[in-house]
N, C-alpha and C. Protein backbone atom coordinates (compact mmCIF):
# COMPACT_ATOMS: atom_id res chain seq x y z
N MET A 1 -2.27 72.40 -81.71
CA MET A 1 -1.26 73.40 -81.48
C MET A 1 -0.36 73.06 -80.35
N GLU A 2 0.82 73.16 -80.31
CA GLU A 2 1.83 72.60 -79.05
C GLU A 2 1.76 73.71 -78.07
N THR A 3 1.66 73.27 -76.78
CA THR A 3 2.06 74.22 -75.88
C THR A 3 3.50 74.33 -75.33
N GLU A 4 3.84 75.39 -74.66
CA GLU A 4 5.11 75.41 -74.28
C GLU A 4 5.82 74.31 -73.60
N GLY A 5 6.81 73.74 -73.98
CA GLY A 5 7.46 72.40 -73.40
C GLY A 5 6.97 71.33 -73.97
N GLU A 6 6.07 71.18 -74.92
CA GLU A 6 5.49 69.95 -75.52
C GLU A 6 6.18 69.97 -76.88
N ILE A 7 6.49 68.60 -77.10
CA ILE A 7 7.18 68.38 -78.41
C ILE A 7 6.12 67.49 -79.00
N LYS A 8 5.95 67.65 -80.32
CA LYS A 8 5.18 66.88 -81.14
C LYS A 8 6.13 65.77 -81.94
N LEU A 9 5.89 64.48 -81.52
CA LEU A 9 6.67 63.51 -81.84
C LEU A 9 6.02 62.71 -83.34
N VAL A 10 6.70 62.67 -84.36
CA VAL A 10 6.31 62.17 -85.59
C VAL A 10 6.50 60.62 -85.41
N HIS A 11 5.49 59.83 -85.31
CA HIS A 11 5.53 58.55 -85.23
C HIS A 11 5.84 57.85 -86.74
N THR A 12 6.99 57.44 -86.68
CA THR A 12 7.42 56.95 -88.19
C THR A 12 7.77 55.36 -87.97
N VAL A 13 7.98 54.76 -86.89
CA VAL A 13 8.29 53.48 -86.85
C VAL A 13 6.85 52.65 -86.24
N ASN A 14 6.34 51.96 -87.26
CA ASN A 14 4.93 51.50 -86.85
C ASN A 14 4.90 49.94 -87.29
N HIS A 15 6.08 49.36 -87.52
CA HIS A 15 6.18 47.75 -87.82
C HIS A 15 6.59 47.13 -86.60
N TRP A 16 7.00 47.47 -85.40
CA TRP A 16 7.28 47.00 -84.36
C TRP A 16 6.14 46.83 -83.54
N LYS A 17 5.69 45.43 -83.16
CA LYS A 17 4.32 45.47 -82.42
C LYS A 17 4.71 44.49 -81.20
N GLY A 18 3.93 44.53 -80.00
CA GLY A 18 4.04 43.67 -78.90
C GLY A 18 3.97 42.07 -79.25
N GLY A 19 5.15 41.57 -78.60
CA GLY A 19 5.25 40.18 -78.81
C GLY A 19 4.19 39.05 -78.61
N ARG A 20 3.42 39.42 -77.56
CA ARG A 20 2.15 38.56 -77.14
C ARG A 20 1.05 38.60 -78.19
N VAL A 21 0.94 39.92 -78.63
CA VAL A 21 -0.13 40.04 -79.74
C VAL A 21 0.33 39.55 -81.06
N VAL A 22 1.51 39.62 -81.43
CA VAL A 22 1.88 39.13 -82.64
C VAL A 22 1.96 37.49 -82.57
N LEU A 23 2.53 36.90 -81.48
CA LEU A 23 2.64 35.51 -81.54
C LEU A 23 1.19 34.92 -81.35
N GLU A 24 0.30 35.49 -80.69
CA GLU A 24 -1.07 34.94 -80.76
C GLU A 24 -1.69 34.85 -81.94
N GLU A 25 -1.52 35.91 -82.81
CA GLU A 25 -2.12 36.19 -84.23
C GLU A 25 -1.26 35.12 -85.09
N PHE A 26 -0.07 35.09 -84.83
CA PHE A 26 0.72 33.99 -85.88
C PHE A 26 0.25 32.64 -85.56
N PHE A 27 -0.01 32.16 -84.46
CA PHE A 27 -0.66 30.73 -84.07
C PHE A 27 -2.04 30.76 -84.74
N ARG A 28 -2.80 31.77 -84.59
CA ARG A 28 -4.22 31.66 -85.03
C ARG A 28 -4.29 31.40 -86.54
N LEU A 29 -3.29 32.06 -87.31
CA LEU A 29 -3.14 32.13 -88.80
C LEU A 29 -2.52 30.87 -89.24
N HIS A 30 -1.68 30.02 -88.37
CA HIS A 30 -1.26 28.80 -88.80
C HIS A 30 -1.67 27.63 -87.83
N PRO A 31 -2.94 27.22 -88.12
CA PRO A 31 -3.21 25.98 -87.41
C PRO A 31 -2.64 24.87 -87.77
N GLU A 32 -1.94 24.63 -88.75
CA GLU A 32 -1.11 23.58 -89.26
C GLU A 32 -0.07 23.30 -88.22
N LEU A 33 0.22 24.25 -87.47
CA LEU A 33 1.45 23.99 -86.51
C LEU A 33 1.03 23.33 -85.32
N GLY A 34 -0.32 23.15 -85.06
CA GLY A 34 -0.97 22.59 -83.91
C GLY A 34 -0.58 23.15 -82.60
N VAL A 35 -0.36 24.56 -82.45
CA VAL A 35 -0.11 24.99 -81.23
C VAL A 35 -0.99 26.01 -80.75
N ARG A 36 -1.41 26.00 -79.72
CA ARG A 36 -2.55 26.88 -79.08
C ARG A 36 -1.74 27.82 -78.20
N TYR A 37 -2.00 29.20 -78.42
CA TYR A 37 -1.30 30.10 -77.81
C TYR A 37 -1.76 30.16 -76.35
N THR A 38 -0.72 30.30 -75.43
CA THR A 38 -0.98 30.44 -73.93
C THR A 38 0.40 31.45 -73.45
N GLU A 39 0.27 31.92 -72.25
CA GLU A 39 1.28 32.77 -71.62
C GLU A 39 2.63 31.90 -71.67
N ASN A 40 2.50 30.64 -71.46
CA ASN A 40 3.71 29.76 -71.26
C ASN A 40 4.26 29.72 -72.74
N VAL A 41 3.51 29.43 -73.66
CA VAL A 41 3.92 29.39 -74.99
C VAL A 41 4.64 30.59 -75.45
N TYR A 42 4.25 31.68 -75.09
CA TYR A 42 5.08 32.84 -75.35
C TYR A 42 6.41 32.99 -74.64
N ASN A 43 6.36 32.73 -73.21
CA ASN A 43 7.50 32.73 -72.34
C ASN A 43 8.62 31.73 -73.21
N ASN A 44 8.16 30.47 -73.32
CA ASN A 44 9.11 29.59 -73.90
C ASN A 44 9.57 30.01 -75.38
N PHE A 45 8.70 30.56 -76.20
CA PHE A 45 9.10 30.88 -77.42
C PHE A 45 10.22 31.87 -77.48
N VAL A 46 9.93 32.83 -76.55
CA VAL A 46 10.86 34.01 -76.49
C VAL A 46 12.23 33.56 -75.90
N ARG A 47 12.25 32.59 -74.87
CA ARG A 47 13.39 32.12 -74.28
C ARG A 47 14.01 31.30 -74.95
N ILE A 48 13.53 30.51 -75.73
CA ILE A 48 14.18 29.46 -76.67
C ILE A 48 14.67 30.10 -77.93
N HIS A 49 13.70 30.77 -78.69
CA HIS A 49 14.09 31.31 -79.89
C HIS A 49 14.30 32.88 -80.08
N GLY A 50 14.24 33.32 -79.00
CA GLY A 50 14.59 34.94 -78.83
C GLY A 50 15.94 35.34 -79.56
N PRO A 51 17.32 34.41 -79.04
CA PRO A 51 18.36 34.85 -79.27
C PRO A 51 18.53 34.80 -81.06
N LYS A 52 17.97 33.76 -81.75
CA LYS A 52 17.91 33.61 -83.05
C LYS A 52 17.17 34.86 -83.81
N LEU A 53 15.82 35.14 -83.07
CA LEU A 53 15.10 36.02 -83.68
C LEU A 53 15.86 37.55 -83.66
N ALA A 54 16.45 37.80 -82.56
CA ALA A 54 17.22 39.14 -82.39
C ALA A 54 18.39 38.98 -83.21
N SER A 55 18.98 37.95 -83.53
CA SER A 55 20.32 37.99 -84.55
C SER A 55 19.81 38.42 -85.88
N VAL A 56 18.71 38.10 -86.30
CA VAL A 56 18.23 38.40 -87.64
C VAL A 56 17.25 39.72 -87.59
N ASP A 57 17.29 40.47 -86.45
CA ASP A 57 16.57 41.71 -86.16
C ASP A 57 14.94 41.63 -86.45
N VAL A 58 14.41 40.50 -85.80
CA VAL A 58 13.05 40.37 -85.86
C VAL A 58 12.45 40.58 -84.56
N MET A 59 13.34 40.62 -83.52
CA MET A 59 12.84 40.80 -82.13
C MET A 59 13.89 41.66 -81.31
N ARG A 60 13.19 42.58 -80.83
CA ARG A 60 13.92 43.56 -79.89
C ARG A 60 13.38 43.55 -78.51
N LYS A 61 14.42 43.66 -77.50
CA LYS A 61 13.66 44.05 -76.16
C LYS A 61 14.47 45.21 -75.74
N ALA A 62 13.85 46.23 -74.92
CA ALA A 62 14.32 47.47 -74.49
C ALA A 62 15.27 47.04 -73.12
N GLY A 63 14.95 45.90 -72.47
CA GLY A 63 15.67 45.47 -71.39
C GLY A 63 15.44 44.10 -71.00
N LEU A 64 16.15 43.63 -70.02
CA LEU A 64 16.00 42.17 -69.75
C LEU A 64 14.71 41.73 -69.42
N ARG A 65 13.87 42.59 -68.64
CA ARG A 65 12.67 42.14 -68.29
C ARG A 65 11.57 42.70 -69.15
N SER A 66 12.00 43.62 -70.06
CA SER A 66 10.87 44.14 -70.80
C SER A 66 10.39 43.14 -71.93
N PRO A 67 9.00 43.49 -72.48
CA PRO A 67 8.47 42.53 -73.20
C PRO A 67 9.19 42.62 -74.61
N ALA A 68 9.03 41.54 -75.26
CA ALA A 68 9.59 41.41 -76.68
C ALA A 68 8.70 42.28 -77.61
N LEU A 69 9.54 42.92 -78.56
CA LEU A 69 8.60 43.50 -79.66
C LEU A 69 9.10 42.58 -80.96
N PHE A 70 8.10 42.58 -82.03
CA PHE A 70 8.48 41.81 -83.11
C PHE A 70 8.11 42.69 -84.28
N ASP A 71 9.07 42.55 -85.27
CA ASP A 71 9.00 43.24 -86.68
C ASP A 71 7.94 42.47 -87.33
N VAL A 72 6.71 43.03 -87.56
CA VAL A 72 5.81 42.22 -88.28
C VAL A 72 5.89 42.17 -89.78
N THR A 73 6.92 42.85 -90.33
CA THR A 73 7.10 42.56 -91.63
C THR A 73 8.06 41.49 -91.96
N LYS A 74 8.66 40.91 -90.84
CA LYS A 74 9.47 39.74 -91.19
C LYS A 74 9.06 38.64 -90.45
N PHE A 75 8.27 38.77 -89.26
CA PHE A 75 8.27 37.69 -88.25
C PHE A 75 7.40 36.44 -88.72
N ASP A 76 6.48 36.54 -89.48
CA ASP A 76 5.80 35.35 -90.05
C ASP A 76 6.71 34.39 -90.69
N GLY A 77 7.39 34.80 -91.59
CA GLY A 77 8.31 33.81 -92.29
C GLY A 77 9.35 33.24 -91.60
N ILE A 78 10.15 34.06 -90.82
CA ILE A 78 11.27 33.56 -89.85
C ILE A 78 10.73 32.56 -88.79
N ALA A 79 9.54 33.02 -88.02
CA ALA A 79 9.12 32.13 -87.08
C ALA A 79 8.65 30.99 -87.53
N PHE A 80 8.11 30.73 -88.81
CA PHE A 80 7.61 29.63 -89.44
C PHE A 80 8.66 28.82 -89.69
N ASP A 81 9.79 29.18 -90.35
CA ASP A 81 10.98 28.53 -90.73
C ASP A 81 11.70 28.08 -89.31
N ILE A 82 11.63 28.75 -88.40
CA ILE A 82 12.20 28.32 -87.03
C ILE A 82 11.52 27.21 -86.35
N LEU A 83 10.13 27.28 -86.58
CA LEU A 83 9.26 26.30 -85.86
C LEU A 83 9.09 25.05 -86.49
N THR A 84 9.42 25.08 -87.98
CA THR A 84 9.32 23.98 -88.74
C THR A 84 10.79 23.43 -89.04
N LYS A 85 11.70 23.83 -88.27
CA LYS A 85 13.19 23.31 -88.14
C LYS A 85 14.00 23.79 -89.57
N ALA A 86 13.69 24.57 -90.21
CA ALA A 86 14.32 25.10 -91.42
C ALA A 86 15.43 25.97 -90.89
N ARG A 87 16.72 26.10 -91.41
CA ARG A 87 17.76 26.74 -90.98
C ARG A 87 17.41 28.25 -91.24
N VAL A 88 18.00 29.19 -90.39
CA VAL A 88 17.72 30.66 -90.62
C VAL A 88 19.20 31.03 -90.57
N ALA A 89 19.61 31.58 -91.60
CA ALA A 89 21.07 31.95 -91.71
C ALA A 89 21.08 33.65 -91.97
N GLY A 90 21.92 34.31 -91.19
CA GLY A 90 22.18 35.71 -91.37
C GLY A 90 20.74 36.36 -91.49
N ASN A 91 20.38 37.22 -92.55
CA ASN A 91 19.20 37.78 -92.79
C ASN A 91 18.30 37.22 -93.52
N GLN A 92 18.44 35.93 -93.93
CA GLN A 92 17.47 35.22 -94.81
C GLN A 92 17.06 34.08 -94.18
N GLN A 93 15.91 33.48 -94.94
CA GLN A 93 15.48 32.06 -94.66
C GLN A 93 16.13 31.12 -95.52
N VAL A 94 16.55 30.07 -95.08
CA VAL A 94 17.12 28.99 -96.01
C VAL A 94 16.48 27.64 -95.64
N SER A 95 15.67 27.04 -96.44
CA SER A 95 15.11 25.84 -96.35
C SER A 95 15.85 24.69 -96.27
N THR A 96 15.40 23.67 -95.78
CA THR A 96 16.24 22.65 -95.67
C THR A 96 15.39 21.57 -96.40
């Protein structure tokens, strides 16, 4: 039951998850990449690849110092392509 002044928000967006958790799981699932997750790996990944991930709507940030959020429905394929040097064009992966 709602009390006066309380608004019950319906949570409909559940595919955006915290970047650190997503990236750590990504590297755990891809041992073939040979990358061990650390805080520095996360910071460098977001700094180097963040603009490309944002341009294809896989990463969002609420502000400059805010943590990254990744779309878990798209992240795996795009991140793998970026890290293995495949070209990422527009909203699709293009293998080289």
